[in-house]
Every structure is written in C-alpha cells, then in structure tokens.
Amino acid sequence: MTKKYYVSLSSGEISQSNTASDWNYAIEATDEEVEKLRTYLDQRASSDWSSFWRSHIPYLEYHHDSQNDMYDKTTVEIYAMLYQLGDDETKSHIKQMNILSSDRMG
C-alpha cells in the first residue's frame, strides 16, 4: 500500500507530515520504496562527507575522484526514484531540471 511522503533533499528527511519541515518533493510510495530511497539518501550523505575530506587534497581533480562519482551516481538514482514516485508537480520540476535521461523518466 502506498502512502504520501514529503522529501527534503537538503536535510535528507522523508516525512509523512507536510508541516514537519521544509520539503522539496511529494511522493506516493510503499514502505519498501521509502526504505530504498532512505538508503540512497544515506549513501549520498556518506559520499558527500568523503568528498569533503577529499577536497582538502589539492592535486586530486573532481573528474578523477571516485567519491564524487559515487555522489553523482547516487544523486541521479535519487532523482529517478523521486520522478517515478512523484506527484505531477514533482515530475514536472525534475523534468525541468534536465538531470535525468529520457529512459530514466519512463
């Protein structure tokens, strides 16, 4: 059974309350889908932290950094999932961002 959730990418929060915190995207998801999204958000936060430490190494360029690659890949997975589960406003916003290839938008 799906339930309505509100997702804040900046804080990594997923809530059933639209007043609990600021949110960016509204989705309809099963418990399993929310758990998968939570995993992606946690992975992105971990990659972001690793990238922070890596950023203090001046000779390592962004495009040669596996932490940044993981962060980028996970971000795309998050947006693909938000697009699949999102309401019309969420889908429209993500489509306008032009972050997903057409095959990721179904």
N, C-alpha and C. Protein backbone atom coordinates (compact mmCIF):
# COMPACT_ATOMS: atom_id res chain seq x y z
N MET A 1 0.84 -1.18 0.00
CA MET A 1 0.00 0.00 0.00
C MET A 1 0.89 1.25 0.00
N THR A 2 0.54 2.21 -0.83
CA THR A 2 1.33 3.43 -0.88
C THR A 2 0.77 4.48 0.09
N LYS A 3 1.70 5.33 0.52
CA LYS A 3 1.35 6.45 1.39
C LYS A 3 2.01 7.70 0.83
N LYS A 4 1.50 8.84 1.20
CA LYS A 4 2.07 10.11 0.76
C LYS A 4 3.24 10.48 1.69
N TYR A 5 4.36 10.86 1.06
CA TYR A 5 5.53 11.29 1.80
C TYR A 5 6.03 12.61 1.23
N TYR A 6 6.76 13.33 2.05
CA TYR A 6 7.36 14.59 1.67
C TYR A 6 8.86 14.47 1.90
N VAL A 7 9.63 14.83 0.88
CA VAL A 7 11.07 14.61 0.90
C VAL A 7 11.82 15.93 0.84
N SER A 8 12.77 16.08 1.74
CA SER A 8 13.68 17.23 1.72
C SER A 8 15.06 16.71 1.37
N LEU A 9 15.57 17.11 0.23
CA LEU A 9 16.90 16.64 -0.17
C LEU A 9 18.01 17.31 0.63
N SER A 10 17.83 18.55 1.01
CA SER A 10 18.89 19.24 1.75
C SER A 10 19.13 18.61 3.12
N SER A 11 18.08 18.19 3.79
CA SER A 11 18.24 17.57 5.11
C SER A 11 18.24 16.05 5.05
N GLY A 12 17.82 15.49 3.92
CA GLY A 12 17.73 14.04 3.79
C GLY A 12 16.54 13.45 4.51
N GLU A 13 15.53 14.27 4.81
CA GLU A 13 14.37 13.80 5.55
C GLU A 13 13.28 13.29 4.63
N ILE A 14 12.59 12.25 5.10
CA ILE A 14 11.39 11.72 4.46
C ILE A 14 10.33 11.70 5.53
N SER A 15 9.23 12.41 5.32
CA SER A 15 8.20 12.54 6.35
C SER A 15 6.81 12.35 5.76
N GLN A 16 5.90 11.89 6.58
CA GLN A 16 4.51 11.81 6.16
C GLN A 16 3.77 13.11 6.48
N SER A 17 4.41 14.00 7.20
CA SER A 17 3.81 15.28 7.54
C SER A 17 4.37 16.38 6.64
N ASN A 18 3.49 17.11 5.99
CA ASN A 18 3.97 18.19 5.13
C ASN A 18 4.27 19.47 5.90
N THR A 19 4.07 19.43 7.22
CA THR A 19 4.37 20.60 8.04
C THR A 19 5.53 20.37 9.00
N ALA A 20 6.07 19.15 9.03
CA ALA A 20 7.15 18.82 9.97
C ALA A 20 8.43 19.58 9.66
N SER A 21 8.72 19.79 8.38
CA SER A 21 9.91 20.52 7.97
C SER A 21 9.71 20.98 6.53
N ASP A 22 10.64 21.81 6.07
CA ASP A 22 10.58 22.22 4.68
C ASP A 22 10.83 21.01 3.80
N TRP A 23 10.08 20.88 2.74
CA TRP A 23 10.25 19.74 1.84
C TRP A 23 10.26 20.22 0.40
N ASN A 24 10.87 19.40 -0.47
CA ASN A 24 11.00 19.74 -1.87
C ASN A 24 10.07 18.94 -2.77
N TYR A 25 9.83 17.69 -2.41
CA TYR A 25 9.14 16.77 -3.32
C TYR A 25 8.09 15.95 -2.59
N ALA A 26 6.93 15.79 -3.21
CA ALA A 26 5.87 14.94 -2.69
C ALA A 26 5.85 13.65 -3.52
N ILE A 27 5.78 12.52 -2.82
CA ILE A 27 5.77 11.23 -3.50
C ILE A 27 4.70 10.33 -2.90
N GLU A 28 4.31 9.30 -3.63
CA GLU A 28 3.47 8.21 -3.15
C GLU A 28 4.33 6.97 -3.20
N ALA A 29 4.55 6.32 -2.04
CA ALA A 29 5.48 5.20 -2.00
C ALA A 29 5.05 4.14 -1.00
N THR A 30 5.53 2.92 -1.26
CA THR A 30 5.35 1.83 -0.31
C THR A 30 6.45 1.94 0.75
N ASP A 31 6.31 1.17 1.80
CA ASP A 31 7.35 1.15 2.84
C ASP A 31 8.69 0.72 2.26
N GLU A 32 8.67 -0.25 1.35
CA GLU A 32 9.91 -0.75 0.74
C GLU A 32 10.57 0.34 -0.12
N GLU A 33 9.76 1.08 -0.86
CA GLU A 33 10.30 2.15 -1.70
C GLU A 33 10.90 3.26 -0.85
N VAL A 34 10.25 3.58 0.26
CA VAL A 34 10.78 4.60 1.17
C VAL A 34 12.10 4.14 1.77
N GLU A 35 12.19 2.87 2.09
CA GLU A 35 13.44 2.33 2.64
C GLU A 35 14.56 2.40 1.61
N LYS A 36 14.25 2.10 0.36
CA LYS A 36 15.25 2.19 -0.71
C LYS A 36 15.69 3.64 -0.90
N LEU A 37 14.74 4.57 -0.90
CA LEU A 37 15.07 5.99 -1.02
C LEU A 37 15.93 6.43 0.16
N ARG A 38 15.61 5.99 1.36
CA ARG A 38 16.39 6.31 2.56
C ARG A 38 17.83 5.81 2.39
N THR A 39 18.00 4.62 1.83
CA THR A 39 19.34 4.07 1.58
C THR A 39 20.11 4.97 0.63
N TYR A 40 19.48 5.41 -0.44
CA TYR A 40 20.13 6.32 -1.39
C TYR A 40 20.53 7.64 -0.72
N LEU A 41 19.62 8.19 0.08
CA LEU A 41 19.92 9.45 0.78
C LEU A 41 21.09 9.27 1.74
N ASP A 42 21.12 8.14 2.43
CA ASP A 42 22.24 7.87 3.35
C ASP A 42 23.55 7.70 2.59
N GLN A 43 23.50 7.01 1.45
CA GLN A 43 24.69 6.83 0.63
C GLN A 43 25.21 8.17 0.13
N ARG A 44 24.29 9.02 -0.28
CA ARG A 44 24.70 10.33 -0.78
C ARG A 44 25.35 11.16 0.33
N ALA A 45 24.79 11.10 1.52
CA ALA A 45 25.38 11.83 2.65
C ALA A 45 26.77 11.31 2.97
N SER A 46 26.94 10.00 2.91
CA SER A 46 28.25 9.40 3.17
C SER A 46 29.25 9.81 2.09
N SER A 47 28.82 9.79 0.83
CA SER A 47 29.70 10.21 -0.27
C SER A 47 30.05 11.68 -0.16
N ASP A 48 29.09 12.47 0.28
CA ASP A 48 29.33 13.91 0.45
C ASP A 48 30.39 14.15 1.51
N TRP A 49 30.31 13.42 2.60
CA TRP A 49 31.29 13.54 3.68
C TRP A 49 32.68 13.13 3.19
N SER A 50 32.74 12.04 2.43
CA SER A 50 34.02 11.59 1.87
C SER A 50 34.59 12.63 0.92
N SER A 51 33.72 13.24 0.13
CA SER A 51 34.16 14.28 -0.81
C SER A 51 34.70 15.49 -0.08
N PHE A 52 34.10 15.81 1.06
CA PHE A 52 34.57 16.93 1.86
C PHE A 52 36.03 16.71 2.25
N TRP A 53 36.35 15.52 2.73
CA TRP A 53 37.72 15.24 3.14
C TRP A 53 38.65 15.22 1.93
N ARG A 54 38.17 14.68 0.83
CA ARG A 54 38.96 14.62 -0.39
C ARG A 54 39.24 16.02 -0.92
N SER A 55 38.34 16.95 -0.71
CA SER A 55 38.51 18.30 -1.25
C SER A 55 39.72 19.02 -0.66
N HIS A 56 40.25 18.49 0.41
CA HIS A 56 41.43 19.09 1.03
C HIS A 56 42.74 18.59 0.41
N ILE A 57 42.61 17.77 -0.63
CA ILE A 57 43.78 17.28 -1.36
C ILE A 57 43.83 18.06 -2.67
N PRO A 58 44.67 19.07 -2.78
CA PRO A 58 44.61 20.00 -3.91
C PRO A 58 44.94 19.40 -5.28
N TYR A 59 45.70 18.34 -5.34
CA TYR A 59 46.11 17.82 -6.64
C TYR A 59 45.13 16.81 -7.22
N LEU A 60 44.08 16.43 -6.49
CA LEU A 60 43.12 15.46 -6.99
C LEU A 60 41.95 16.21 -7.63
N GLU A 61 41.80 16.06 -8.94
CA GLU A 61 40.76 16.77 -9.68
C GLU A 61 39.41 16.10 -9.50
N TYR A 62 38.35 16.90 -9.61
CA TYR A 62 36.98 16.42 -9.41
C TYR A 62 36.67 15.23 -10.30
N HIS A 63 37.02 15.30 -11.56
CA HIS A 63 36.65 14.25 -12.50
C HIS A 63 37.50 12.98 -12.36
N HIS A 64 38.46 12.97 -11.45
CA HIS A 64 39.25 11.78 -11.16
C HIS A 64 39.02 11.30 -9.73
N ASP A 65 37.87 11.55 -9.20
CA ASP A 65 37.60 11.27 -7.80
C ASP A 65 36.41 10.33 -7.66
N SER A 66 36.63 9.13 -7.14
CA SER A 66 35.57 8.13 -7.03
C SER A 66 34.46 8.56 -6.06
N GLN A 67 34.81 9.33 -5.01
CA GLN A 67 33.77 9.79 -4.08
C GLN A 67 32.78 10.71 -4.80
N ASN A 68 33.29 11.59 -5.64
CA ASN A 68 32.40 12.47 -6.39
C ASN A 68 31.57 11.69 -7.40
N ASP A 69 32.18 10.68 -8.02
CA ASP A 69 31.44 9.83 -8.95
C ASP A 69 30.29 9.13 -8.24
N MET A 70 30.55 8.62 -7.04
CA MET A 70 29.51 7.94 -6.27
C MET A 70 28.41 8.92 -5.86
N TYR A 71 28.79 10.11 -5.45
CA TYR A 71 27.82 11.13 -5.08
C TYR A 71 26.93 11.46 -6.28
N ASP A 72 27.53 11.67 -7.44
CA ASP A 72 26.77 12.00 -8.64
C ASP A 72 25.83 10.86 -9.04
N LYS A 73 26.33 9.64 -9.00
CA LYS A 73 25.52 8.48 -9.38
C LYS A 73 24.34 8.32 -8.43
N THR A 74 24.59 8.46 -7.15
CA THR A 74 23.53 8.32 -6.16
C THR A 74 22.51 9.44 -6.30
N THR A 75 22.96 10.64 -6.60
CA THR A 75 22.04 11.76 -6.80
C THR A 75 21.10 11.49 -7.97
N VAL A 76 21.62 10.95 -9.05
CA VAL A 76 20.79 10.60 -10.20
C VAL A 76 19.78 9.52 -9.81
N GLU A 77 20.22 8.53 -9.04
CA GLU A 77 19.30 7.47 -8.58
C GLU A 77 18.18 8.05 -7.72
N ILE A 78 18.51 9.00 -6.87
CA ILE A 78 17.51 9.65 -6.03
C ILE A 78 16.49 10.38 -6.89
N TYR A 79 16.96 11.18 -7.84
CA TYR A 79 16.03 11.91 -8.69
C TYR A 79 15.19 10.99 -9.55
N ALA A 80 15.76 9.88 -10.02
CA ALA A 80 14.99 8.92 -10.81
C ALA A 80 13.87 8.32 -9.96
N MET A 81 14.19 8.00 -8.73
CA MET A 81 13.19 7.43 -7.84
C MET A 81 12.11 8.46 -7.49
N LEU A 82 12.53 9.69 -7.21
CA LEU A 82 11.56 10.76 -6.92
C LEU A 82 10.65 10.99 -8.13
N TYR A 83 11.23 10.93 -9.32
CA TYR A 83 10.42 11.12 -10.53
C TYR A 83 9.39 10.00 -10.67
N GLN A 84 9.81 8.76 -10.48
CA GLN A 84 8.91 7.61 -10.61
C GLN A 84 7.78 7.67 -9.60
N LEU A 85 8.07 8.10 -8.38
CA LEU A 85 7.09 8.08 -7.30
C LEU A 85 6.37 9.41 -7.11
N GLY A 86 6.86 10.44 -7.77
CA GLY A 86 6.38 11.79 -7.51
C GLY A 86 5.01 12.12 -8.04
N ASP A 87 4.43 13.16 -7.44
CA ASP A 87 3.18 13.71 -7.96
C ASP A 87 3.50 14.53 -9.21
N ASP A 88 2.48 15.10 -9.83
CA ASP A 88 2.68 15.83 -11.08
C ASP A 88 3.66 16.99 -10.92
N GLU A 89 3.57 17.70 -9.81
CA GLU A 89 4.46 18.84 -9.57
C GLU A 89 5.92 18.37 -9.42
N THR A 90 6.11 17.29 -8.71
CA THR A 90 7.45 16.73 -8.54
C THR A 90 8.03 16.31 -9.89
N LYS A 91 7.23 15.59 -10.68
CA LYS A 91 7.69 15.14 -12.00
C LYS A 91 8.03 16.32 -12.90
N SER A 92 7.19 17.32 -12.89
CA SER A 92 7.42 18.50 -13.72
C SER A 92 8.71 19.21 -13.33
N HIS A 93 8.91 19.37 -12.03
CA HIS A 93 10.12 20.05 -11.54
C HIS A 93 11.39 19.29 -11.94
N ILE A 94 11.38 17.98 -11.74
CA ILE A 94 12.56 17.17 -12.06
C ILE A 94 12.80 17.16 -13.56
N LYS A 95 11.74 17.11 -14.33
CA LYS A 95 11.88 17.15 -15.79
C LYS A 95 12.53 18.47 -16.23
N GLN A 96 12.13 19.58 -15.63
CA GLN A 96 12.69 20.88 -15.96
C GLN A 96 14.16 21.00 -15.55
N MET A 97 14.57 20.24 -14.55
CA MET A 97 15.96 20.25 -14.11
C MET A 97 16.88 19.63 -15.16
N ASN A 98 16.32 18.78 -15.99
CA ASN A 98 17.07 18.11 -17.06
C ASN A 98 18.24 17.30 -16.50
N ILE A 99 18.02 16.67 -15.34
CA ILE A 99 19.06 15.86 -14.70
C ILE A 99 18.99 14.39 -15.12
N LEU A 100 17.82 13.95 -15.60
CA LEU A 100 17.63 12.55 -15.96
C LEU A 100 17.56 12.38 -17.47
N SER A 101 18.11 11.28 -17.95
CA SER A 101 17.95 10.94 -19.36
C SER A 101 16.51 10.49 -19.58
N SER A 102 16.04 10.55 -20.81
CA SER A 102 14.64 10.21 -21.09
C SER A 102 14.30 8.78 -20.70
N ASP A 103 15.26 7.86 -20.80
CA ASP A 103 14.98 6.47 -20.41
C ASP A 103 14.78 6.32 -18.90
N ARG A 104 15.33 7.25 -18.11
CA ARG A 104 15.15 7.21 -16.65
C ARG A 104 13.79 7.77 -16.23
N MET A 105 13.14 8.50 -17.14
CA MET A 105 11.85 9.09 -16.81
C MET A 105 10.68 8.23 -17.29
N GLY A 106 10.98 7.09 -17.88
CA GLY A 106 9.94 6.14 -18.28
C GLY A 106 9.12 6.60 -19.36
